[in-house]
Amino acid sequence: MIVREPQSSTRVTFDKYFFGDAKPTYPHAINVVESKEAYAQIRAQADSIAMVTLQTSTQNDPTMRLPVYFFISADPGRVKSAVRVFVEFIKSREGQQILSAF
């Protein structure tokens, strides 16, 4: 697993959303400071799991094609309405066209 530094907005957002106020630890993770570093680690480890921000430099890099996965609870009552709307958009024709660029 590849994780950003604890102060990274990507990691802060990820941790807050999935863990609330708990402070998760990633004992066997490779810690990286910059996106560039994260992408280098992803390239080096084909089976890696990483938290990264998709950005123009990634999209324009022919060596980087990231699969995008979205996981939500099977219990509709546990899914925030904004998340549900977003996932439905991603599944739409327009959303699929946008994702195909990555």
Protein backbone atom coordinates (compact mmCIF):
# COMPACT_ATOMS: atom_id res chain seq x y z
CA MET A 1 0.00 0.00 0.00
CA ILE A 2 1.17 3.48 -0.83
CA VAL A 3 -0.06 6.38 1.31
CA ARG A 4 0.48 10.10 1.27
CA GLU A 5 1.93 11.94 4.24
CA PRO A 6 -0.51 12.49 7.14
CA GLN A 7 -1.02 16.20 6.28
CA SER A 8 -1.87 15.58 2.62
CA SER A 9 -5.40 16.70 1.74
CA THR A 10 -5.90 13.42 -0.15
CA ARG A 11 -5.05 11.38 2.94
CA VAL A 12 -6.88 13.64 5.38
CA THR A 13 -10.03 13.43 3.27
CA PHE A 14 -9.73 9.65 2.83
CA ASP A 15 -9.06 9.02 6.53
CA LYS A 16 -11.86 11.34 7.70
CA TYR A 17 -14.42 9.85 5.34
CA PHE A 18 -13.62 6.21 6.11
CA PHE A 19 -12.45 6.39 9.72
CA GLY A 20 -14.18 9.47 11.15
CA ASP A 21 -12.26 10.78 14.14
CA ALA A 22 -10.15 7.63 14.53
CA LYS A 23 -6.51 7.94 13.52
CA PRO A 24 -5.74 4.95 11.27
CA THR A 25 -2.25 3.59 10.94
CA TYR A 26 -0.72 1.99 7.90
CA PRO A 27 2.13 -0.06 9.40
CA HIS A 28 3.40 -1.71 6.21
CA ALA A 29 2.69 1.14 3.82
CA ILE A 30 5.18 3.07 1.76
CA ASN A 31 4.82 6.73 2.72
CA VAL A 32 5.24 9.30 -0.04
CA VAL A 33 5.19 13.08 0.11
CA GLU A 34 4.31 14.11 -3.44
CA SER A 35 2.00 12.75 -6.12
CA LYS A 36 4.99 12.27 -8.42
CA GLU A 37 6.52 9.96 -5.83
CA ALA A 38 3.26 8.03 -5.46
CA TYR A 39 2.98 7.50 -9.20
CA ALA A 40 6.58 6.25 -9.35
CA GLN A 41 5.77 3.70 -6.64
CA ILE A 42 2.59 2.64 -8.48
CA ARG A 43 4.61 2.07 -11.65
CA ALA A 44 7.18 0.04 -9.70
CA GLN A 45 4.58 -2.17 -8.03
CA ALA A 46 1.96 -3.44 -10.45
CA ASP A 47 -0.26 -4.83 -7.67
CA SER A 48 -0.09 -1.74 -5.47
CA ILE A 49 -2.94 -0.02 -3.70
CA ALA A 50 -2.63 3.73 -3.40
CA MET A 51 -4.53 6.85 -2.46
CA VAL A 52 -3.82 9.44 -5.12
CA THR A 53 -5.43 12.47 -6.66
CA LEU A 54 -6.19 12.14 -10.35
CA GLN A 55 -4.86 15.19 -12.10
CA THR A 56 -3.98 16.45 -15.58
CA SER A 57 -0.37 15.25 -15.36
CA THR A 58 -1.62 11.73 -14.64
CA GLN A 59 -4.19 11.83 -17.38
CA ASN A 60 -1.60 12.98 -19.92
CA ASP A 61 1.02 10.40 -18.87
CA PRO A 62 0.88 7.45 -21.33
CA THR A 63 2.65 5.18 -18.83
CA MET A 64 0.02 5.74 -16.15
CA ARG A 65 -3.40 4.23 -16.47
CA LEU A 66 -5.11 3.91 -13.12
CA PRO A 67 -8.13 1.72 -12.70
CA VAL A 68 -10.80 3.67 -10.87
CA TYR A 69 -12.89 1.76 -8.36
CA PHE A 70 -15.84 3.07 -6.39
CA PHE A 71 -17.13 1.06 -3.45
CA ILE A 72 -20.27 1.91 -1.54
CA SER A 73 -22.26 0.11 1.10
CA ALA A 74 -24.89 -2.35 -0.11
CA ASP A 75 -27.17 -0.83 2.54
CA PRO A 76 -28.70 2.27 0.87
CA GLY A 77 -29.36 3.80 4.29
CA ARG A 78 -25.63 4.04 4.96
CA VAL A 79 -24.78 5.85 1.72
CA LYS A 80 -24.85 9.65 1.73
CA SER A 81 -27.24 10.99 -0.90
CA ALA A 82 -24.47 13.01 -2.60
CA VAL A 83 -22.36 9.84 -2.92
CA ARG A 84 -25.31 7.92 -4.35
CA VAL A 85 -25.93 10.68 -6.94
CA PHE A 86 -22.23 10.75 -7.85
CA VAL A 87 -22.07 6.97 -8.35
CA GLU A 88 -25.21 7.06 -10.51
CA PHE A 89 -23.59 9.78 -12.62
CA ILE A 90 -20.41 7.73 -13.01
CA LYS A 91 -22.50 4.81 -14.23
CA SER A 92 -24.24 7.00 -16.81
CA ARG A 93 -23.10 7.32 -20.43
CA GLU A 94 -21.63 10.79 -19.76
CA GLY A 95 -19.81 9.57 -16.64
CA GLN A 96 -18.40 6.59 -18.52
CA GLN A 97 -17.12 8.89 -21.29
CA ILE A 98 -15.32 11.03 -18.71
CA LEU A 99 -13.76 8.01 -17.00
CA SER A 100 -12.65 6.51 -20.30
CA ALA A 101 -10.20 9.43 -20.64
CA PHE A 102 -8.29 8.02 -17.67
